[in-house]
N, C-alpha and C. Protein backbone atom coordinates (compact mmCIF):
# COMPACT_ATOMS: atom_id res chain seq x y z
N MET A 1 12.71 -12.60 18.23
CA MET A 1 11.91 -11.77 17.34
C MET A 1 11.13 -12.67 16.40
N LEU A 2 9.84 -12.56 16.40
CA LEU A 2 8.99 -13.30 15.48
C LEU A 2 8.71 -12.43 14.27
N ILE A 3 8.99 -12.96 13.08
CA ILE A 3 8.58 -12.34 11.82
C ILE A 3 7.56 -13.29 11.21
N ALA A 4 6.38 -12.77 10.94
CA ALA A 4 5.30 -13.63 10.45
C ALA A 4 4.46 -12.89 9.43
N GLU A 5 3.72 -13.67 8.63
CA GLU A 5 2.78 -13.08 7.68
C GLU A 5 1.50 -12.72 8.43
N LEU A 6 1.00 -11.54 8.13
CA LEU A 6 -0.21 -11.06 8.78
C LEU A 6 -1.39 -11.99 8.51
N ASN A 7 -1.44 -12.64 7.33
CA ASN A 7 -2.57 -13.52 7.04
C ASN A 7 -2.60 -14.73 7.98
N GLN A 8 -1.47 -15.05 8.62
CA GLN A 8 -1.42 -16.14 9.60
C GLN A 8 -1.73 -15.65 11.01
N HIS A 9 -1.71 -14.34 11.20
CA HIS A 9 -1.93 -13.75 12.52
C HIS A 9 -2.81 -12.50 12.39
N PRO A 10 -4.05 -12.65 11.95
CA PRO A 10 -4.90 -11.49 11.68
C PRO A 10 -5.17 -10.61 12.91
N ARG A 11 -4.94 -11.13 14.09
CA ARG A 11 -5.16 -10.32 15.29
C ARG A 11 -4.23 -9.11 15.36
N TYR A 12 -3.15 -9.13 14.56
CA TYR A 12 -2.21 -8.01 14.54
C TYR A 12 -2.60 -6.91 13.56
N ALA A 13 -3.71 -7.05 12.86
CA ALA A 13 -4.07 -6.06 11.83
C ALA A 13 -4.25 -4.66 12.40
N GLU A 14 -4.95 -4.54 13.52
CA GLU A 14 -5.19 -3.21 14.09
C GLU A 14 -3.90 -2.56 14.56
N GLN A 15 -3.03 -3.33 15.20
CA GLN A 15 -1.74 -2.78 15.64
C GLN A 15 -0.89 -2.35 14.44
N THR A 16 -0.90 -3.16 13.40
CA THR A 16 -0.14 -2.84 12.19
C THR A 16 -0.66 -1.56 11.57
N ALA A 17 -1.99 -1.44 11.50
CA ALA A 17 -2.60 -0.22 10.96
C ALA A 17 -2.23 0.99 11.81
N GLN A 18 -2.21 0.83 13.11
CA GLN A 18 -1.86 1.95 13.99
C GLN A 18 -0.40 2.35 13.80
N LEU A 19 0.47 1.39 13.60
CA LEU A 19 1.88 1.69 13.35
C LEU A 19 2.03 2.52 12.07
N LEU A 20 1.34 2.10 11.00
CA LEU A 20 1.37 2.84 9.74
C LEU A 20 0.76 4.23 9.90
N HIS A 21 -0.35 4.31 10.61
CA HIS A 21 -1.01 5.60 10.84
C HIS A 21 -0.10 6.55 11.63
N THR A 22 0.52 6.03 12.67
CA THR A 22 1.41 6.86 13.49
C THR A 22 2.54 7.45 12.66
N GLU A 23 3.09 6.66 11.76
CA GLU A 23 4.22 7.11 10.95
C GLU A 23 3.81 8.07 9.84
N TRP A 24 2.67 7.82 9.19
CA TRP A 24 2.33 8.54 7.97
C TRP A 24 0.93 9.14 7.96
N SER A 25 0.39 9.50 9.10
CA SER A 25 -0.99 10.01 9.16
C SER A 25 -1.18 11.27 8.34
N HIS A 26 -0.10 11.97 8.01
CA HIS A 26 -0.21 13.19 7.20
C HIS A 26 -0.43 12.89 5.71
N PHE A 27 -0.35 11.61 5.32
CA PHE A 27 -0.66 11.20 3.94
C PHE A 27 -2.06 10.61 3.89
N PRO A 28 -2.83 10.91 2.86
CA PRO A 28 -4.22 10.43 2.79
C PRO A 28 -4.39 8.92 2.96
N ALA A 29 -3.51 8.13 2.38
CA ALA A 29 -3.67 6.67 2.44
C ALA A 29 -3.53 6.11 3.85
N TRP A 30 -2.91 6.87 4.75
CA TRP A 30 -2.68 6.38 6.11
C TRP A 30 -3.31 7.29 7.15
N SER A 31 -4.26 8.11 6.75
CA SER A 31 -4.85 9.06 7.68
C SER A 31 -6.04 8.51 8.47
N HIS A 32 -6.56 7.37 8.06
CA HIS A 32 -7.77 6.84 8.69
C HIS A 32 -7.54 5.36 9.05
N PRO A 33 -7.25 5.06 10.33
CA PRO A 33 -6.92 3.68 10.72
C PRO A 33 -7.92 2.62 10.26
N PRO A 34 -9.23 2.83 10.34
CA PRO A 34 -10.14 1.77 9.85
C PRO A 34 -9.94 1.45 8.36
N ALA A 35 -9.62 2.45 7.55
CA ALA A 35 -9.37 2.20 6.13
C ALA A 35 -8.07 1.41 5.95
N ILE A 36 -7.08 1.68 6.79
CA ILE A 36 -5.82 0.93 6.71
C ILE A 36 -6.07 -0.53 7.08
N VAL A 37 -6.85 -0.76 8.14
CA VAL A 37 -7.19 -2.13 8.56
C VAL A 37 -7.89 -2.86 7.42
N ALA A 38 -8.85 -2.21 6.78
CA ALA A 38 -9.59 -2.83 5.68
C ALA A 38 -8.65 -3.19 4.54
N ARG A 39 -7.71 -2.30 4.21
CA ARG A 39 -6.75 -2.56 3.14
C ARG A 39 -5.84 -3.73 3.51
N LEU A 40 -5.38 -3.76 4.75
CA LEU A 40 -4.52 -4.86 5.20
C LEU A 40 -5.27 -6.19 5.16
N LYS A 41 -6.51 -6.18 5.63
CA LYS A 41 -7.29 -7.41 5.64
C LYS A 41 -7.56 -7.90 4.22
N GLN A 42 -7.84 -7.00 3.31
CA GLN A 42 -8.08 -7.39 1.92
C GLN A 42 -6.80 -7.99 1.32
N ARG A 43 -5.67 -7.34 1.54
CA ARG A 43 -4.40 -7.81 0.99
C ARG A 43 -4.00 -9.17 1.57
N ASN A 44 -4.38 -9.41 2.82
CA ASN A 44 -3.88 -10.58 3.54
C ASN A 44 -4.94 -11.63 3.83
N GLN A 45 -6.07 -11.57 3.13
CA GLN A 45 -7.14 -12.51 3.43
C GLN A 45 -6.83 -13.93 2.99
N ASN A 46 -6.06 -14.10 1.94
CA ASN A 46 -5.68 -15.42 1.45
C ASN A 46 -4.20 -15.41 1.13
N PRO A 47 -3.55 -16.55 1.24
CA PRO A 47 -2.15 -16.58 0.80
C PRO A 47 -2.08 -16.21 -0.69
N SER A 48 -1.26 -15.25 -1.01
CA SER A 48 -1.10 -14.80 -2.39
C SER A 48 0.24 -14.13 -2.53
N ALA A 49 0.50 -13.63 -3.72
CA ALA A 49 1.75 -12.92 -3.95
C ALA A 49 1.79 -11.61 -3.18
N GLU A 50 0.64 -11.07 -2.81
CA GLU A 50 0.58 -9.88 -1.96
C GLU A 50 0.52 -10.33 -0.51
N PHE A 51 1.31 -9.68 0.34
CA PHE A 51 1.28 -10.04 1.75
C PHE A 51 1.90 -8.94 2.59
N THR A 52 1.65 -9.02 3.88
CA THR A 52 2.23 -8.11 4.85
C THR A 52 2.96 -8.94 5.89
N LEU A 53 4.18 -8.54 6.20
CA LEU A 53 4.94 -9.15 7.28
C LEU A 53 4.90 -8.23 8.49
N ILE A 54 4.92 -8.83 9.66
CA ILE A 54 5.01 -8.05 10.89
C ILE A 54 6.16 -8.62 11.72
N ALA A 55 6.70 -7.78 12.58
CA ALA A 55 7.73 -8.22 13.53
C ALA A 55 7.23 -7.92 14.93
N THR A 56 7.37 -8.89 15.81
CA THR A 56 6.99 -8.71 17.21
C THR A 56 8.06 -9.36 18.09
N PRO A 57 8.58 -8.63 19.07
CA PRO A 57 9.62 -9.20 19.93
C PRO A 57 9.04 -10.08 21.04
N ASP A 58 7.77 -9.89 21.34
CA ASP A 58 7.18 -10.55 22.50
C ASP A 58 5.90 -11.32 22.22
N GLY A 59 5.51 -11.40 20.94
CA GLY A 59 4.27 -12.08 20.59
C GLY A 59 3.02 -11.28 20.90
N GLU A 60 3.20 -10.05 21.34
CA GLU A 60 2.08 -9.19 21.71
C GLU A 60 2.07 -7.86 20.96
N THR A 61 3.25 -7.30 20.74
CA THR A 61 3.37 -5.94 20.22
C THR A 61 4.01 -5.94 18.84
N VAL A 62 3.33 -5.35 17.86
CA VAL A 62 3.90 -5.19 16.52
C VAL A 62 4.82 -3.98 16.55
N ILE A 63 6.09 -4.21 16.20
CA ILE A 63 7.05 -3.10 16.22
C ILE A 63 7.52 -2.70 14.82
N ALA A 64 7.17 -3.51 13.82
CA ALA A 64 7.59 -3.18 12.45
C ALA A 64 6.73 -3.94 11.46
N THR A 65 6.69 -3.41 10.24
CA THR A 65 5.92 -4.05 9.18
C THR A 65 6.55 -3.77 7.82
N CYS A 66 6.21 -4.62 6.86
CA CYS A 66 6.68 -4.51 5.48
C CYS A 66 5.71 -5.29 4.63
N SER A 67 5.36 -4.76 3.47
CA SER A 67 4.40 -5.44 2.60
C SER A 67 4.94 -5.62 1.19
N ILE A 68 4.45 -6.65 0.53
CA ILE A 68 4.57 -6.77 -0.92
C ILE A 68 3.19 -6.43 -1.45
N ILE A 69 3.14 -5.41 -2.28
CA ILE A 69 1.88 -4.84 -2.76
C ILE A 69 1.85 -4.92 -4.28
N ARG A 70 0.77 -5.44 -4.80
CA ARG A 70 0.62 -5.51 -6.26
C ARG A 70 0.14 -4.15 -6.76
N TYR A 71 0.91 -3.58 -7.67
CA TYR A 71 0.58 -2.28 -8.28
C TYR A 71 0.37 -1.18 -7.24
N GLU A 72 1.34 -1.02 -6.34
CA GLU A 72 1.26 0.13 -5.43
C GLU A 72 1.18 1.42 -6.24
N LEU A 73 2.00 1.53 -7.26
CA LEU A 73 1.83 2.55 -8.29
C LEU A 73 1.41 1.79 -9.53
N ASP A 74 0.29 2.19 -10.11
CA ASP A 74 -0.29 1.36 -11.17
C ASP A 74 -0.25 1.99 -12.55
N ASP A 75 0.59 2.99 -12.74
CA ASP A 75 0.62 3.66 -14.04
C ASP A 75 1.49 2.96 -15.08
N ILE A 76 2.33 2.01 -14.65
CA ILE A 76 3.18 1.27 -15.59
C ILE A 76 2.96 -0.22 -15.30
N ALA A 77 2.30 -0.91 -16.20
CA ALA A 77 1.88 -2.30 -15.97
C ALA A 77 3.05 -3.24 -15.67
N ALA A 78 4.21 -3.00 -16.23
CA ALA A 78 5.35 -3.88 -16.00
C ALA A 78 5.86 -3.82 -14.56
N ARG A 79 5.52 -2.78 -13.84
CA ARG A 79 5.96 -2.62 -12.45
C ARG A 79 4.89 -3.19 -11.52
N GLU A 80 4.89 -4.51 -11.42
CA GLU A 80 3.77 -5.18 -10.76
C GLU A 80 3.91 -5.27 -9.24
N TYR A 81 5.03 -5.74 -8.73
CA TYR A 81 5.16 -6.01 -7.29
C TYR A 81 6.10 -5.00 -6.63
N TRP A 82 5.62 -4.45 -5.54
CA TRP A 82 6.30 -3.37 -4.82
C TRP A 82 6.51 -3.75 -3.36
N ILE A 83 7.66 -3.38 -2.83
CA ILE A 83 7.84 -3.41 -1.38
C ILE A 83 7.37 -2.05 -0.89
N GLY A 84 6.50 -2.06 0.09
CA GLY A 84 5.98 -0.81 0.62
C GLY A 84 5.58 -0.96 2.06
N GLU A 85 5.13 0.14 2.61
CA GLU A 85 4.67 0.19 4.00
C GLU A 85 5.74 -0.39 4.94
N VAL A 86 6.99 -0.03 4.68
CA VAL A 86 8.10 -0.45 5.54
C VAL A 86 8.23 0.59 6.64
N VAL A 87 7.97 0.18 7.86
CA VAL A 87 8.10 1.10 8.99
C VAL A 87 8.43 0.32 10.25
N THR A 88 9.27 0.92 11.07
CA THR A 88 9.63 0.38 12.37
C THR A 88 9.28 1.42 13.42
N ASP A 89 8.68 0.98 14.51
CA ASP A 89 8.41 1.86 15.65
C ASP A 89 9.71 2.58 16.01
N LYS A 90 9.62 3.87 16.27
CA LYS A 90 10.82 4.69 16.53
C LYS A 90 11.68 4.14 17.66
N ARG A 91 11.07 3.48 18.63
CA ARG A 91 11.83 2.95 19.77
C ARG A 91 12.70 1.76 19.39
N PHE A 92 12.47 1.17 18.21
CA PHE A 92 13.18 -0.04 17.82
C PHE A 92 14.04 0.14 16.57
N ARG A 93 14.20 1.38 16.13
CA ARG A 93 14.99 1.63 14.93
C ARG A 93 16.47 1.42 15.21
N GLY A 94 17.22 1.11 14.13
CA GLY A 94 18.66 0.91 14.26
C GLY A 94 19.05 -0.45 14.77
N GLN A 95 18.09 -1.37 14.88
CA GLN A 95 18.36 -2.71 15.39
C GLN A 95 18.25 -3.78 14.30
N GLY A 96 18.06 -3.37 13.04
CA GLY A 96 18.02 -4.32 11.94
C GLY A 96 16.67 -4.98 11.72
N VAL A 97 15.62 -4.49 12.37
CA VAL A 97 14.30 -5.12 12.25
C VAL A 97 13.76 -4.94 10.84
N ALA A 98 13.78 -3.72 10.32
CA ALA A 98 13.27 -3.48 8.96
C ALA A 98 14.09 -4.26 7.94
N LYS A 99 15.40 -4.32 8.13
CA LYS A 99 16.26 -5.08 7.22
C LYS A 99 15.84 -6.55 7.20
N ALA A 100 15.57 -7.13 8.37
CA ALA A 100 15.13 -8.53 8.44
C ALA A 100 13.79 -8.72 7.74
N LEU A 101 12.87 -7.77 7.92
CA LEU A 101 11.57 -7.86 7.25
C LEU A 101 11.73 -7.79 5.73
N ILE A 102 12.54 -6.86 5.26
CA ILE A 102 12.77 -6.70 3.82
C ILE A 102 13.41 -7.96 3.25
N GLN A 103 14.39 -8.51 3.95
CA GLN A 103 15.04 -9.73 3.47
C GLN A 103 14.04 -10.89 3.39
N GLN A 104 13.17 -11.00 4.39
CA GLN A 104 12.15 -12.05 4.37
C GLN A 104 11.16 -11.83 3.23
N ALA A 105 10.76 -10.59 3.01
CA ALA A 105 9.85 -10.28 1.90
C ALA A 105 10.48 -10.64 0.56
N ILE A 106 11.75 -10.32 0.39
CA ILE A 106 12.45 -10.66 -0.86
C ILE A 106 12.54 -12.17 -1.02
N ALA A 107 12.89 -12.89 0.05
CA ALA A 107 12.98 -14.35 -0.02
C ALA A 107 11.63 -14.97 -0.39
N THR A 108 10.56 -14.45 0.17
CA THR A 108 9.23 -14.96 -0.16
C THR A 108 8.88 -14.65 -1.61
N ALA A 109 9.22 -13.45 -2.06
CA ALA A 109 8.95 -13.08 -3.46
C ALA A 109 9.71 -14.01 -4.41
N ILE A 110 10.93 -14.34 -4.08
CA ILE A 110 11.71 -15.26 -4.92
C ILE A 110 11.03 -16.62 -4.97
N LYS A 111 10.57 -17.12 -3.84
CA LYS A 111 9.86 -18.41 -3.80
C LYS A 111 8.60 -18.37 -4.67
N GLN A 112 7.99 -17.20 -4.76
CA GLN A 112 6.77 -17.04 -5.56
C GLN A 112 7.09 -16.74 -7.02
N GLN A 113 8.36 -16.80 -7.37
CA GLN A 113 8.84 -16.60 -8.73
C GLN A 113 8.53 -15.20 -9.27
N ILE A 114 8.55 -14.24 -8.38
CA ILE A 114 8.45 -12.83 -8.79
C ILE A 114 9.84 -12.44 -9.30
N SER A 115 9.91 -11.85 -10.48
CA SER A 115 11.21 -11.60 -11.11
C SER A 115 11.84 -10.26 -10.72
N GLU A 116 11.03 -9.30 -10.29
CA GLU A 116 11.59 -8.03 -9.85
C GLU A 116 10.64 -7.36 -8.87
N LEU A 117 11.23 -6.57 -8.01
CA LEU A 117 10.47 -5.77 -7.05
C LEU A 117 10.77 -4.30 -7.28
N TRP A 118 9.80 -3.48 -6.93
CA TRP A 118 9.91 -2.04 -7.04
C TRP A 118 9.66 -1.43 -5.67
N LEU A 119 10.14 -0.22 -5.48
CA LEU A 119 9.82 0.56 -4.29
C LEU A 119 10.01 2.02 -4.61
N TYR A 120 9.50 2.87 -3.74
CA TYR A 120 9.85 4.28 -3.83
C TYR A 120 10.16 4.78 -2.44
N THR A 121 11.11 5.72 -2.38
CA THR A 121 11.55 6.24 -1.10
C THR A 121 11.95 7.70 -1.25
N PRO A 122 11.60 8.52 -0.26
CA PRO A 122 12.03 9.91 -0.31
C PRO A 122 13.43 10.11 0.27
N ASP A 123 13.89 9.17 1.12
CA ASP A 123 15.11 9.46 1.87
C ASP A 123 16.01 8.26 2.18
N GLN A 124 15.70 7.09 1.68
CA GLN A 124 16.51 5.91 1.99
C GLN A 124 17.20 5.32 0.76
N GLN A 125 17.46 6.16 -0.23
CA GLN A 125 18.08 5.70 -1.47
C GLN A 125 19.42 5.01 -1.21
N GLY A 126 20.25 5.58 -0.38
CA GLY A 126 21.57 5.02 -0.09
C GLY A 126 21.47 3.63 0.51
N TYR A 127 20.57 3.46 1.46
CA TYR A 127 20.38 2.15 2.08
C TYR A 127 20.01 1.10 1.03
N TYR A 128 19.02 1.43 0.21
CA TYR A 128 18.57 0.47 -0.79
C TYR A 128 19.63 0.22 -1.86
N GLN A 129 20.36 1.23 -2.27
CA GLN A 129 21.43 1.03 -3.27
C GLN A 129 22.49 0.08 -2.73
N ARG A 130 22.84 0.22 -1.45
CA ARG A 130 23.82 -0.69 -0.84
C ARG A 130 23.30 -2.12 -0.81
N SER A 131 21.99 -2.29 -0.89
CA SER A 131 21.38 -3.62 -0.88
C SER A 131 21.09 -4.14 -2.29
N GLY A 132 21.59 -3.44 -3.31
CA GLY A 132 21.46 -3.93 -4.68
C GLY A 132 20.34 -3.32 -5.51
N TRP A 133 19.57 -2.41 -4.94
CA TRP A 133 18.49 -1.75 -5.68
C TRP A 133 19.08 -0.71 -6.60
N GLN A 134 18.42 -0.50 -7.75
CA GLN A 134 18.87 0.51 -8.72
C GLN A 134 17.83 1.62 -8.82
N ALA A 135 18.29 2.86 -8.74
CA ALA A 135 17.40 4.00 -8.95
C ALA A 135 16.97 4.04 -10.40
N VAL A 136 15.68 4.24 -10.65
CA VAL A 136 15.13 4.26 -11.99
C VAL A 136 14.66 5.65 -12.39
N GLU A 137 14.00 6.34 -11.47
CA GLU A 137 13.49 7.67 -11.79
C GLU A 137 13.14 8.43 -10.52
N GLN A 138 13.01 9.74 -10.67
CA GLN A 138 12.50 10.62 -9.63
C GLN A 138 11.06 10.93 -9.96
N ARG A 139 10.20 10.93 -8.94
CA ARG A 139 8.77 11.23 -9.15
C ARG A 139 8.26 12.04 -7.99
N HIS A 140 7.14 12.66 -8.23
CA HIS A 140 6.43 13.40 -7.19
C HIS A 140 5.21 12.55 -6.81
N ILE A 141 5.19 12.05 -5.57
CA ILE A 141 4.10 11.20 -5.10
C ILE A 141 3.61 11.72 -3.75
N ALA A 142 2.32 11.96 -3.66
CA ALA A 142 1.69 12.40 -2.41
C ALA A 142 2.42 13.59 -1.79
N GLY A 143 2.82 14.52 -2.62
CA GLY A 143 3.46 15.73 -2.12
C GLY A 143 4.93 15.60 -1.79
N GLU A 144 5.53 14.45 -2.13
CA GLU A 144 6.95 14.23 -1.85
C GLU A 144 7.71 13.93 -3.13
N GLU A 145 8.96 14.34 -3.15
CA GLU A 145 9.86 13.94 -4.22
C GLU A 145 10.48 12.61 -3.80
N VAL A 146 10.30 11.56 -4.60
CA VAL A 146 10.78 10.23 -4.24
C VAL A 146 11.60 9.64 -5.38
N THR A 147 12.39 8.65 -5.04
CA THR A 147 13.14 7.88 -6.02
C THR A 147 12.46 6.53 -6.18
N VAL A 148 12.13 6.17 -7.40
CA VAL A 148 11.60 4.84 -7.70
C VAL A 148 12.81 3.95 -7.96
N MET A 149 12.81 2.77 -7.31
CA MET A 149 13.94 1.85 -7.39
C MET A 149 13.46 0.45 -7.75
N LYS A 150 14.40 -0.33 -8.32
CA LYS A 150 14.07 -1.69 -8.79
C LYS A 150 15.14 -2.65 -8.30
N LEU A 151 14.69 -3.87 -7.98
CA LEU A 151 15.59 -4.96 -7.63
C LEU A 151 15.23 -6.17 -8.48
N ARG A 152 16.17 -6.64 -9.29
CA ARG A 152 15.94 -7.86 -10.09
C ARG A 152 16.15 -9.07 -9.19
N LEU A 153 15.17 -9.99 -9.21
CA LEU A 153 15.25 -11.20 -8.42
C LEU A 153 15.62 -12.41 -9.25
N ALA A 154 15.28 -12.40 -10.53
CA ALA A 154 15.58 -13.51 -11.43
C ALA A 154 16.55 -13.01 -12.49
N GLN A 155 17.51 -13.85 -12.82
CA GLN A 155 18.50 -13.44 -13.83
C GLN A 155 18.11 -13.93 -15.19
């Protein structure tokens, strides 16, 4: 299984966008694949604190993705870096692919001296709590009730 940064493998942008679209096309941000590709390319054009990871078992097919996004929710300035766009193709779920992507994203964030990460989830609170994330609040985002969670990276 290859886990790589999208900025090092831009040829995977369209597949990554399609994976996100397939999972969340009912949400405005993921309803139009060309807009997703543009957002991915902008986020991943240069090495920076923002990045997208992809997983491919064969060097050809993207089966999962995870991003570090600056101000995914931008209403609270202190909540700067977010893990988002975590999705695994349904055929590959339950094999630890998303977990490996999240762990790599966290390790990269630590190397970049990011002190905390944020995320929101409608249904994976238990998974993230078992991994050390703390629930901070409940919010209504894009028509869903979600839990906003935080993970401290620096003590």
